[in-house]
Amino acid sequence: MADALPLLEEANRASKKHASLRFVGTQVLDAYRKAGKSAEVAKLIDDLLLADARRALPKDSPQLAGLLAQSGMTLLEMNDFAEAEPLLREALAIREKKAPDD
């Protein structure tokens, strides 16, 4: 894994020039998750997933809430509670507003 991570990072940087290669970022995120590097995972979640979603989706959309919840759960699994909490609170607030009876 130690040898793979720098190569994946390099591929991720190169993939930003080509939309068809955006999947590389999720591969990097998964590699860091498997390596137990929660700080890197939190940064990639914010950079790769949430930044695009926040630009593309309304701030109170159920799709954004789902992505926030999924990201928060990934961080919880890594015991990164401080990074997970604001994402999960935001997801909950959206869901309470948009689907209060669910």
PDB file of N, CA and C in Angstrom:
ATOM      1  N   MET A   1       0.820  -1.193   0.000  1.00  0.00           N
ATOM      2  CA  MET A   1       0.000   0.000   0.000  1.00  0.00           C
ATOM      3  C   MET A   1       0.865   1.259   0.000  1.00  0.00           C
ATOM      4  N   ALA A   2       1.976   1.196   0.716  1.00  0.00           N
ATOM      5  CA  ALA A   2       2.853   2.365   0.784  1.00  0.00           C
ATOM      6  C   ALA A   2       3.373   2.755  -0.596  1.00  0.00           C
ATOM      7  N   ASP A   3       3.627   1.776  -1.447  1.00  0.00           N
ATOM      8  CA  ASP A   3       4.085   2.073  -2.804  1.00  0.00           C
ATOM      9  C   ASP A   3       2.946   2.523  -3.702  1.00  0.00           C
ATOM     10  N   ALA A   4       1.754   2.004  -3.448  1.00  0.00           N
ATOM     11  CA  ALA A   4       0.600   2.297  -4.310  1.00  0.00           C
ATOM     12  C   ALA A   4       0.063   3.707  -4.100  1.00  0.00           C
ATOM     13  N   LEU A   5       0.052   4.186  -2.878  1.00  0.00           N
ATOM     14  CA  LEU A   5      -0.565   5.489  -2.593  1.00  0.00           C
ATOM     15  C   LEU A   5       0.053   6.645  -3.377  1.00  0.00           C
ATOM     16  N   PRO A   6       1.374   6.772  -3.435  1.00  0.00           N
ATOM     17  CA  PRO A   6       1.932   7.870  -4.245  1.00  0.00           C
ATOM     18  C   PRO A   6       1.567   7.753  -5.732  1.00  0.00           C
ATOM     19  N   LEU A   7       1.513   6.532  -6.234  1.00  0.00           N
ATOM     20  CA  LEU A   7       1.135   6.344  -7.635  1.00  0.00           C
ATOM     21  C   LEU A   7      -0.320   6.710  -7.869  1.00  0.00           C
ATOM     22  N   LEU A   8      -1.178   6.327  -6.935  1.00  0.00           N
ATOM     23  CA  LEU A   8      -2.591   6.696  -7.046  1.00  0.00           C
ATOM     24  C   LEU A   8      -2.773   8.206  -6.960  1.00  0.00           C
ATOM     25  N   GLU A   9      -2.025   8.852  -6.085  1.00  0.00           N
ATOM     26  CA  GLU A   9      -2.093  10.314  -5.980  1.00  0.00           C
ATOM     27  C   GLU A   9      -1.682  10.967  -7.298  1.00  0.00           C
ATOM     28  N   GLU A  10      -0.618  10.462  -7.895  1.00  0.00           N
ATOM     29  CA  GLU A  10      -0.164  10.996  -9.174  1.00  0.00           C
ATOM     30  C   GLU A  10      -1.225  10.794 -10.254  1.00  0.00           C
ATOM     31  N   ALA A  11      -1.822   9.617 -10.282  1.00  0.00           N
ATOM     32  CA  ALA A  11      -2.884   9.348 -11.256  1.00  0.00           C
ATOM     33  C   ALA A  11      -4.081  10.254 -11.003  1.00  0.00           C
ATOM     34  N   ASN A  12      -4.391  10.503  -9.743  1.00  0.00           N
ATOM     35  CA  ASN A  12      -5.518  11.379  -9.408  1.00  0.00           C
ATOM     36  C   ASN A  12      -5.265  12.805  -9.900  1.00  0.00           C
ATOM     37  N   ARG A  13      -4.056  13.308  -9.684  1.00  0.00           N
ATOM     38  CA  ARG A  13      -3.728  14.653 -10.171  1.00  0.00           C
ATOM     39  C   ARG A  13      -3.863  14.727 -11.694  1.00  0.00           C
ATOM     40  N   ALA A  14      -3.378  13.718 -12.381  1.00  0.00           N
ATOM     41  CA  ALA A  14      -3.459  13.695 -13.838  1.00  0.00           C
ATOM     42  C   ALA A  14      -4.901  13.554 -14.318  1.00  0.00           C
ATOM     43  N   SER A  15      -5.724  12.849 -13.566  1.00  0.00           N
ATOM     44  CA  SER A  15      -7.105  12.596 -13.992  1.00  0.00           C
ATOM     45  C   SER A  15      -7.975  13.847 -13.953  1.00  0.00           C
ATOM     46  N   LYS A  16      -7.550  14.870 -13.240  1.00  0.00           N
ATOM     47  CA  LYS A  16      -8.354  16.087 -13.134  1.00  0.00           C
ATOM     48  C   LYS A  16      -8.478  16.816 -14.464  1.00  0.00           C
ATOM     49  N   LYS A  17      -7.616  16.483 -15.402  1.00  0.00           N
ATOM     50  CA  LYS A  17      -7.669  17.100 -16.728  1.00  0.00           C
ATOM     51  C   LYS A  17      -8.648  16.392 -17.659  1.00  0.00           C
ATOM     52  N   HIS A  18      -9.124  15.214 -17.239  1.00  0.00           N
ATOM     53  CA  HIS A  18      -9.989  14.406 -18.098  1.00  0.00           C
ATOM     54  C   HIS A  18     -11.195  13.918 -17.298  1.00  0.00           C
ATOM     55  N   ALA A  19     -12.364  14.400 -17.636  1.00  0.00           N
ATOM     56  CA  ALA A  19     -13.575  14.055 -16.897  1.00  0.00           C
ATOM     57  C   ALA A  19     -13.837  12.552 -16.870  1.00  0.00           C
ATOM     58  N   SER A  20     -13.465  11.861 -17.913  1.00  0.00           N
ATOM     59  CA  SER A  20     -13.721  10.417 -17.971  1.00  0.00           C
ATOM     60  C   SER A  20     -12.874   9.632 -16.960  1.00  0.00           C
ATOM     61  N   LEU A  21     -11.896  10.267 -16.358  1.00  0.00           N
ATOM     62  CA  LEU A  21     -11.026   9.590 -15.390  1.00  0.00           C
ATOM     63  C   LEU A  21     -11.283  10.005 -13.947  1.00  0.00           C
ATOM     64  N   ARG A  22     -12.419  10.644 -13.703  1.00  0.00           N
ATOM     65  CA  ARG A  22     -12.719  11.120 -12.348  1.00  0.00           C
ATOM     66  C   ARG A  22     -12.825   9.975 -11.338  1.00  0.00           C
ATOM     67  N   PHE A  23     -13.094   8.770 -11.809  1.00  0.00           N
ATOM     68  CA  PHE A  23     -13.198   7.616 -10.914  1.00  0.00           C
ATOM     69  C   PHE A  23     -11.904   7.347 -10.158  1.00  0.00           C
ATOM     70  N   VAL A  24     -10.784   7.835 -10.671  1.00  0.00           N
ATOM     71  CA  VAL A  24      -9.496   7.602 -10.017  1.00  0.00           C
ATOM     72  C   VAL A  24      -9.510   8.183  -8.602  1.00  0.00           C
ATOM     73  N   GLY A  25     -10.167   9.318  -8.426  1.00  0.00           N
ATOM     74  CA  GLY A  25     -10.244   9.932  -7.103  1.00  0.00           C
ATOM     75  C   GLY A  25     -10.895   9.018  -6.076  1.00  0.00           C
ATOM     76  N   THR A  26     -11.941   8.319  -6.475  1.00  0.00           N
ATOM     77  CA  THR A  26     -12.592   7.400  -5.536  1.00  0.00           C
ATOM     78  C   THR A  26     -11.693   6.212  -5.220  1.00  0.00           C
ATOM     79  N   GLN A  27     -10.858   5.831  -6.179  1.00  0.00           N
ATOM     80  CA  GLN A  27      -9.896   4.756  -5.922  1.00  0.00           C
ATOM     81  C   GLN A  27      -8.861   5.195  -4.884  1.00  0.00           C
ATOM     82  N   VAL A  28      -8.424   6.438  -4.992  1.00  0.00           N
ATOM     83  CA  VAL A  28      -7.470   6.984  -4.018  1.00  0.00           C
ATOM     84  C   VAL A  28      -8.123   7.038  -2.642  1.00  0.00           C
ATOM     85  N   LEU A  29      -9.354   7.518  -2.596  1.00  0.00           N
ATOM     86  CA  LEU A  29     -10.081   7.594  -1.334  1.00  0.00           C
ATOM     87  C   LEU A  29     -10.190   6.214  -0.695  1.00  0.00           C
ATOM     88  N   ASP A  30     -10.550   5.217  -1.485  1.00  0.00           N
ATOM     89  CA  ASP A  30     -10.688   3.865  -0.967  1.00  0.00           C
ATOM     90  C   ASP A  30      -9.347   3.312  -0.468  1.00  0.00           C
ATOM     91  N   ALA A  31      -8.280   3.618  -1.181  1.00  0.00           N
ATOM     92  CA  ALA A  31      -6.955   3.156  -0.750  1.00  0.00           C
ATOM     93  C   ALA A  31      -6.571   3.778   0.592  1.00  0.00           C
ATOM     94  N   TYR A  32      -6.822   5.073   0.737  1.00  0.00           N
ATOM     95  CA  TYR A  32      -6.531   5.710   2.024  1.00  0.00           C
ATOM     96  C   TYR A  32      -7.410   5.148   3.137  1.00  0.00           C
ATOM     97  N   ARG A  33      -8.658   4.858   2.820  1.00  0.00           N
ATOM     98  CA  ARG A  33      -9.559   4.262   3.821  1.00  0.00           C
ATOM     99  C   ARG A  33      -9.006   2.922   4.280  1.00  0.00           C
ATOM    100  N   LYS A  34      -8.603   2.092   3.322  1.00  0.00           N
ATOM    101  CA  LYS A  34      -8.049   0.772   3.659  1.00  0.00           C
ATOM    102  C   LYS A  34      -6.749   0.889   4.435  1.00  0.00           C
ATOM    103  N   ALA A  35      -5.991   1.946   4.188  1.00  0.00           N
ATOM    104  CA  ALA A  35      -4.731   2.163   4.897  1.00  0.00           C
ATOM    105  C   ALA A  35      -4.954   2.791   6.277  1.00  0.00           C
ATOM    106  N   GLY A  36      -6.214   3.162   6.573  1.00  0.00           N
ATOM    107  CA  GLY A  36      -6.522   3.746   7.874  1.00  0.00           C
ATOM    108  C   GLY A  36      -6.090   5.186   8.031  1.00  0.00           C
ATOM    109  N   LYS A  37      -5.943   5.901   6.939  1.00  0.00           N
ATOM    110  CA  LYS A  37      -5.477   7.292   6.980  1.00  0.00           C
ATOM    111  C   LYS A  37      -6.692   8.227   6.947  1.00  0.00           C
ATOM    112  N   SER A  38      -7.273   8.456   8.115  1.00  0.00           N
ATOM    113  CA  SER A  38      -8.536   9.187   8.199  1.00  0.00           C
ATOM    114  C   SER A  38      -8.412  10.652   7.799  1.00  0.00           C
ATOM    115  N   ALA A  39      -7.294  11.292   8.076  1.00  0.00           N
ATOM    116  CA  ALA A  39      -7.148  12.704   7.688  1.00  0.00           C
ATOM    117  C   ALA A  39      -7.197  12.846   6.171  1.00  0.00           C
ATOM    118  N   GLU A  40      -6.526  11.942   5.479  1.00  0.00           N
ATOM    119  CA  GLU A  40      -6.538  11.979   4.016  1.00  0.00           C
ATOM    120  C   GLU A  40      -7.925  11.659   3.468  1.00  0.00           C
ATOM    121  N   VAL A  41      -8.601  10.710   4.105  1.00  0.00           N
ATOM    122  CA  VAL A  41      -9.960  10.356   3.682  1.00  0.00           C
ATOM    123  C   VAL A  41     -10.884  11.554   3.844  1.00  0.00           C
ATOM    124  N   ALA A  42     -10.813  12.227   4.975  1.00  0.00           N
ATOM    125  CA  ALA A  42     -11.673  13.395   5.211  1.00  0.00           C
ATOM    126  C   ALA A  42     -11.420  14.478   4.169  1.00  0.00           C
ATOM    127  N   LYS A  43     -10.159  14.723   3.852  1.00  0.00           N
ATOM    128  CA  LYS A  43      -9.831  15.745   2.845  1.00  0.00           C
ATOM    129  C   LYS A  43     -10.355  15.345   1.473  1.00  0.00           C
ATOM    130  N   LEU A  44     -10.180  14.094   1.099  1.00  0.00           N
ATOM    131  CA  LEU A  44     -10.647  13.643  -0.210  1.00  0.00           C
ATOM    132  C   LEU A  44     -12.169  13.638  -0.298  1.00  0.00           C
ATOM    133  N   ILE A  45     -12.834  13.276   0.787  1.00  0.00           N
ATOM    134  CA  ILE A  45     -14.297  13.330   0.791  1.00  0.00           C
ATOM    135  C   ILE A  45     -14.741  14.755   0.491  1.00  0.00           C
ATOM    136  N   ASP A  46     -14.106  15.698   1.169  1.00  0.00           N
ATOM    137  CA  ASP A  46     -14.476  17.097   0.956  1.00  0.00           C
ATOM    138  C   ASP A  46     -14.110  17.563  -0.457  1.00  0.00           C
ATOM    139  N   ASP A  47     -12.910  17.248  -0.902  1.00  0.00           N
ATOM    140  CA  ASP A  47     -12.433  17.707  -2.213  1.00  0.00           C
ATOM    141  C   ASP A  47     -13.127  17.016  -3.379  1.00  0.00           C
ATOM    142  N   LEU A  48     -13.293  15.708  -3.288  1.00  0.00           N
ATOM    143  CA  LEU A  48     -13.787  14.941  -4.423  1.00  0.00           C
ATOM    144  C   LEU A  48     -15.302  14.840  -4.470  1.00  0.00           C
ATOM    145  N   LEU A  49     -15.891  14.564  -3.343  1.00  0.00           N
ATOM    146  CA  LEU A  49     -17.319  14.268  -3.332  1.00  0.00           C
ATOM    147  C   LEU A  49     -18.178  15.479  -2.993  1.00  0.00           C
ATOM    148  N   LEU A  50     -17.902  16.062  -1.866  1.00  0.00           N
ATOM    149  CA  LEU A  50     -18.807  17.096  -1.370  1.00  0.00           C
ATOM    150  C   LEU A  50     -18.684  18.413  -2.117  1.00  0.00           C
ATOM    151  N   ALA A  51     -17.496  18.774  -2.532  1.00  0.00           N
ATOM    152  CA  ALA A  51     -17.343  20.048  -3.248  1.00  0.00           C
ATOM    153  C   ALA A  51     -18.161  20.047  -4.534  1.00  0.00           C
ATOM    154  N   ASP A  52     -18.076  18.984  -5.303  1.00  0.00           N
ATOM    155  CA  ASP A  52     -18.861  18.887  -6.537  1.00  0.00           C
ATOM    156  C   ASP A  52     -20.353  18.826  -6.233  1.00  0.00           C
ATOM    157  N   ALA A  53     -20.724  18.047  -5.237  1.00  0.00           N
ATOM    158  CA  ALA A  53     -22.146  17.908  -4.893  1.00  0.00           C
ATOM    159  C   ALA A  53     -22.723  19.229  -4.419  1.00  0.00           C
ATOM    160  N   ARG A  54     -21.972  19.975  -3.647  1.00  0.00           N
ATOM    161  CA  ARG A  54     -22.472  21.267  -3.153  1.00  0.00           C
ATOM    162  C   ARG A  54     -22.654  22.268  -4.292  1.00  0.00           C
ATOM    163  N   ARG A  55     -21.832  22.158  -5.319  1.00  0.00           N
ATOM    164  CA  ARG A  55     -22.003  23.031  -6.492  1.00  0.00           C
ATOM    165  C   ARG A  55     -23.183  22.597  -7.353  1.00  0.00           C
ATOM    166  N   ALA A  56     -23.387  21.303  -7.469  1.00  0.00           N
ATOM    167  CA  ALA A  56     -24.382  20.769  -8.405  1.00  0.00           C
ATOM    168  C   ALA A  56     -25.780  20.628  -7.822  1.00  0.00           C
ATOM    169  N   LEU A  57     -25.874  20.457  -6.519  1.00  0.00           N
ATOM    170  CA  LEU A  57     -27.172  20.157  -5.901  1.00  0.00           C
ATOM    171  C   LEU A  57     -27.645  21.320  -5.025  1.00  0.00           C
ATOM    172  N   PRO A  58     -28.963  21.461  -4.914  1.00  0.00           N
ATOM    173  CA  PRO A  58     -29.484  22.454  -3.958  1.00  0.00           C
ATOM    174  C   PRO A  58     -29.023  22.100  -2.543  1.00  0.00           C
ATOM    175  N   LYS A  59     -28.837  23.128  -1.712  1.00  0.00           N
ATOM    176  CA  LYS A  59     -28.279  22.885  -0.376  1.00  0.00           C
ATOM    177  C   LYS A  59     -29.191  22.075   0.534  1.00  0.00           C
ATOM    178  N   ASP A  60     -30.464  21.923   0.158  1.00  0.00           N
ATOM    179  CA  ASP A  60     -31.373  21.128   0.982  1.00  0.00           C
ATOM    180  C   ASP A  60     -31.904  19.907   0.230  1.00  0.00           C
ATOM    181  N   SER A  61     -31.137  19.414  -0.733  1.00  0.00           N
ATOM    182  CA  SER A  61     -31.612  18.281  -1.528  1.00  0.00           C
ATOM    183  C   SER A  61     -31.403  16.959  -0.801  1.00  0.00           C
ATOM    184  N   PRO A  62     -32.334  16.037  -0.954  1.00  0.00           N
ATOM    185  CA  PRO A  62     -32.171  14.710  -0.364  1.00  0.00           C
ATOM    186  C   PRO A  62     -30.923  13.988  -0.895  1.00  0.00           C
ATOM    187  N   GLN A  63     -30.549  14.254  -2.138  1.00  0.00           N
ATOM    188  CA  GLN A  63     -29.346  13.624  -2.688  1.00  0.00           C
ATOM    189  C   GLN A  63     -28.096  14.090  -1.937  1.00  0.00           C
ATOM    190  N   LEU A  64     -28.043  15.381  -1.627  1.00  0.00           N
ATOM    191  CA  LEU A  64     -26.915  15.891  -0.853  1.00  0.00           C
ATOM    192  C   LEU A  64     -26.924  15.277   0.543  1.00  0.00           C
ATOM    193  N   ALA A  65     -28.095  15.181   1.144  1.00  0.00           N
ATOM    194  CA  ALA A  65     -28.195  14.565   2.473  1.00  0.00           C
ATOM    195  C   ALA A  65     -27.673  13.138   2.451  1.00  0.00           C
ATOM    196  N   GLY A  66     -28.014  12.398   1.405  1.00  0.00           N
ATOM    197  CA  GLY A  66     -27.541  11.021   1.303  1.00  0.00           C
ATOM    198  C   GLY A  66     -26.035  10.942   1.178  1.00  0.00           C
ATOM    199  N   LEU A  67     -25.460  11.812   0.385  1.00  0.00           N
ATOM    200  CA  LEU A  67     -24.017  11.835   0.219  1.00  0.00           C
ATOM    201  C   LEU A  67     -23.314  12.247   1.513  1.00  0.00           C
ATOM    202  N   LEU A  68     -23.892  13.223   2.202  1.00  0.00           N
ATOM    203  CA  LEU A  68     -23.336  13.642   3.495  1.00  0.00           C
ATOM    204  C   LEU A  68     -23.381  12.493   4.499  1.00  0.00           C
ATOM    205  N   ALA A  69     -24.507  11.782   4.542  1.00  0.00           N
ATOM    206  CA  ALA A  69     -24.650  10.665   5.474  1.00  0.00           C
ATOM    207  C   ALA A  69     -23.663   9.553   5.145  1.00  0.00           C
ATOM    208  N   GLN A  70     -23.537   9.236   3.875  1.00  0.00           N
ATOM    209  CA  GLN A  70     -22.602   8.192   3.455  1.00  0.00           C
ATOM    210  C   GLN A  70     -21.167   8.585   3.803  1.00  0.00           C
ATOM    211  N   SER A  71     -20.814   9.826   3.560  1.00  0.00           N
ATOM    212  CA  SER A  71     -19.468  10.305   3.880  1.00  0.00           C
ATOM    213  C   SER A  71     -19.231  10.280   5.384  1.00  0.00           C
ATOM    214  N   GLY A  72     -20.224  10.717   6.133  1.00  0.00           N
ATOM    215  CA  GLY A  72     -20.113  10.691   7.587  1.00  0.00           C
ATOM    216  C   GLY A  72     -19.945   9.280   8.129  1.00  0.00           C
ATOM    217  N   MET A  73     -20.667   8.331   7.548  1.00  0.00           N
ATOM    218  CA  MET A  73     -20.549   6.944   7.997  1.00  0.00           C
ATOM    219  C   MET A  73     -19.154   6.382   7.692  1.00  0.00           C
ATOM    220  N   THR A  74     -18.597   6.748   6.555  1.00  0.00           N
ATOM    221  CA  THR A  74     -17.230   6.316   6.228  1.00  0.00           C
ATOM    222  C   THR A  74     -16.262   6.814   7.289  1.00  0.00           C
ATOM    223  N   LEU A  75     -16.419   8.075   7.682  1.00  0.00           N
ATOM    224  CA  LEU A  75     -15.536   8.638   8.704  1.00  0.00           C
ATOM    225  C   LEU A  75     -15.778   8.007  10.071  1.00  0.00           C
ATOM    226  N   LEU A  76     -17.032   7.687  10.384  1.00  0.00           N
ATOM    227  CA  LEU A  76     -17.315   7.005  11.648  1.00  0.00           C
ATOM    228  C   LEU A  76     -16.643   5.642  11.699  1.00  0.00           C
ATOM    229  N   GLU A  77     -16.693   4.923  10.582  1.00  0.00           N
ATOM    230  CA  GLU A  77     -16.052   3.607  10.523  1.00  0.00           C
ATOM    231  C   GLU A  77     -14.548   3.700  10.784  1.00  0.00           C
ATOM    232  N   MET A  78     -13.988   4.859  10.503  1.00  0.00           N
ATOM    233  CA  MET A  78     -12.561   5.069  10.722  1.00  0.00           C
ATOM    234  C   MET A  78     -12.293   5.697  12.095  1.00  0.00           C
ATOM    235  N   ASN A  79     -13.332   5.822  12.899  1.00  0.00           N
ATOM    236  CA  ASN A  79     -13.239   6.441  14.227  1.00  0.00           C
ATOM    237  C   ASN A  79     -12.833   7.904  14.173  1.00  0.00           C
ATOM    238  N   ASP A  80     -13.144   8.559  13.081  1.00  0.00           N
ATOM    239  CA  ASP A  80     -12.859   9.995  12.938  1.00  0.00           C
ATOM    240  C   ASP A  80     -14.142  10.761  13.259  1.00  0.00           C
ATOM    241  N   PHE A  81     -14.490  10.768  14.526  1.00  0.00           N
ATOM    242  CA  PHE A  81     -15.769  11.301  14.978  1.00  0.00           C
ATOM    243  C   PHE A  81     -15.889  12.808  14.762  1.00  0.00           C
ATOM    244  N   ALA A  82     -14.798  13.511  14.969  1.00  0.00           N
ATOM    245  CA  ALA A  82     -14.842  14.971  14.826  1.00  0.00           C
ATOM    246  C   ALA A  82     -15.144  15.392  13.388  1.00  0.00           C
ATOM    247  N   GLU A  83     -14.614  14.678  12.410  1.00  0.00           N
ATOM    248  CA  GLU A  83     -14.881  14.994  11.001  1.00  0.00           C
ATOM    249  C   GLU A  83     -16.267  14.506  10.581  1.00  0.00           C
ATOM    250  N   ALA A  84     -16.718  13.406  11.167  1.00  0.00           N
ATOM    251  CA  ALA A  84     -18.010  12.825  10.792  1.00  0.00           C
ATOM    252  C   ALA A  84     -19.188  13.639  11.328  1.00  0.00           C
ATOM    253  N   GLU A  85     -19.061  14.174  12.522  1.00  0.00           N
ATOM    254  CA  GLU A  85     -20.191  14.825  13.178  1.00  0.00           C
ATOM    255  C   GLU A  85     -20.837  15.943  12.360  1.00  0.00           C
ATOM    256  N   PRO A  86     -20.093  16.927  11.852  1.00  0.00           N
ATOM    257  CA  PRO A  86     -20.778  17.999  11.111  1.00  0.00           C
ATOM    258  C   PRO A  86     -21.470  17.499   9.844  1.00  0.00           C
ATOM    259  N   LEU A  87     -20.897  16.501   9.190  1.00  0.00           N
ATOM    260  CA  LEU A  87     -21.534  15.961   7.993  1.00  0.00           C
ATOM    261  C   LEU A  87     -22.845  15.274   8.337  1.00  0.00           C
ATOM    262  N   LEU A  88     -22.822  14.492   9.413  1.00  0.00           N
ATOM    263  CA  LEU A  88     -24.037  13.785   9.824  1.00  0.00           C
ATOM    264  C   LEU A  88     -25.099  14.747  10.357  1.00  0.00           C
ATOM    265  N   ARG A  89     -24.680  15.780  11.058  1.00  0.00           N
ATOM    266  CA  ARG A  89     -25.651  16.785  11.533  1.00  0.00           C
ATOM    267  C   ARG A  89     -26.303  17.518  10.367  1.00  0.00           C
ATOM    268  N   GLU A  90     -25.511  17.848   9.347  1.00  0.00           N
ATOM    269  CA  GLU A  90     -26.070  18.518   8.174  1.00  0.00           C
ATOM    270  C   GLU A  90     -27.048  17.594   7.434  1.00  0.00           C
ATOM    271  N   ALA A  91     -26.674  16.331   7.300  1.00  0.00           N
ATOM    272  CA  ALA A  91     -27.565  15.359   6.654  1.00  0.00           C
ATOM    273  C   ALA A  91     -28.876  15.235   7.428  1.00  0.00           C
ATOM    274  N   LEU A  92     -28.788  15.156   8.739  1.00  0.00           N
ATOM    275  CA  LEU A  92     -29.978  15.053   9.571  1.00  0.00           C
ATOM    276  C   LEU A  92     -30.869  16.286   9.434  1.00  0.00           C
ATOM    277  N   ALA A  93     -30.269  17.465   9.431  1.00  0.00           N
ATOM    278  CA  ALA A  93     -31.041  18.702   9.302  1.00  0.00           C
ATOM    279  C   ALA A  93     -31.797  18.741   7.975  1.00  0.00           C
ATOM    280  N   ILE A  94     -31.143  18.330   6.906  1.00  0.00           N
ATOM    281  CA  ILE A  94     -31.814  18.304   5.596  1.00  0.00           C
ATOM    282  C   ILE A  94     -32.959  17.310   5.624  1.00  0.00           C
ATOM    283  N   ARG A  95     -32.722  16.142   6.163  1.00  0.00           N
ATOM    284  CA  ARG A  95     -33.755  15.099   6.185  1.00  0.00           C
ATOM    285  C   ARG A  95     -34.910  15.484   7.092  1.00  0.00           C
ATOM    286  N   GLU A  96     -34.638  16.125   8.214  1.00  0.00           N
ATOM    287  CA  GLU A  96     -35.723  16.579   9.089  1.00  0.00           C
ATOM    288  C   GLU A  96     -36.594  17.615   8.386  1.00  0.00           C
ATOM    289  N   LYS A  97     -35.978  18.444   7.563  1.00  0.00           N
ATOM    290  CA  LYS A  97     -36.714  19.493   6.851  1.00  0.00           C
ATOM    291  C   LYS A  97     -37.486  18.907   5.660  1.00  0.00           C
ATOM    292  N   LYS A  98     -36.837  18.075   4.869  1.00  0.00           N
ATOM    293  CA  LYS A  98     -37.419  17.591   3.625  1.00  0.00           C
ATOM    294  C   LYS A  98     -38.299  16.357   3.791  1.00  0.00           C
ATOM    295  N   ALA A  99     -38.013  15.528   4.769  1.00  0.00           N
ATOM    296  CA  ALA A  99     -38.781  14.291   4.970  1.00  0.00           C
ATOM    297  C   ALA A  99     -38.967  14.027   6.457  1.00  0.00           C
ATOM    298  N   PRO A 100     -39.722  14.900   7.125  1.00  0.00           N
ATOM    299  CA  PRO A 100     -39.810  14.800   8.592  1.00  0.00           C
ATOM    300  C   PRO A 100     -40.468  13.509   9.107  1.00  0.00           C
ATOM    301  N   ASP A 101     -41.234  12.842   8.276  1.00  0.00           N
ATOM    302  CA  ASP A 101     -41.929  11.649   8.733  1.00  0.00           C
ATOM    303  C   ASP A 101     -41.228  10.359   8.350  1.00  0.00           C
ATOM    304  N   ASP A 102     -40.094  10.475   7.670  1.00  0.00           N
ATOM    305  CA  ASP A 102     -39.367   9.254   7.277  1.00  0.00           C
ATOM    306  C   ASP A 102     -38.582   8.700   8.447  1.00  0.00           C
TER     307      ASP A 102
END
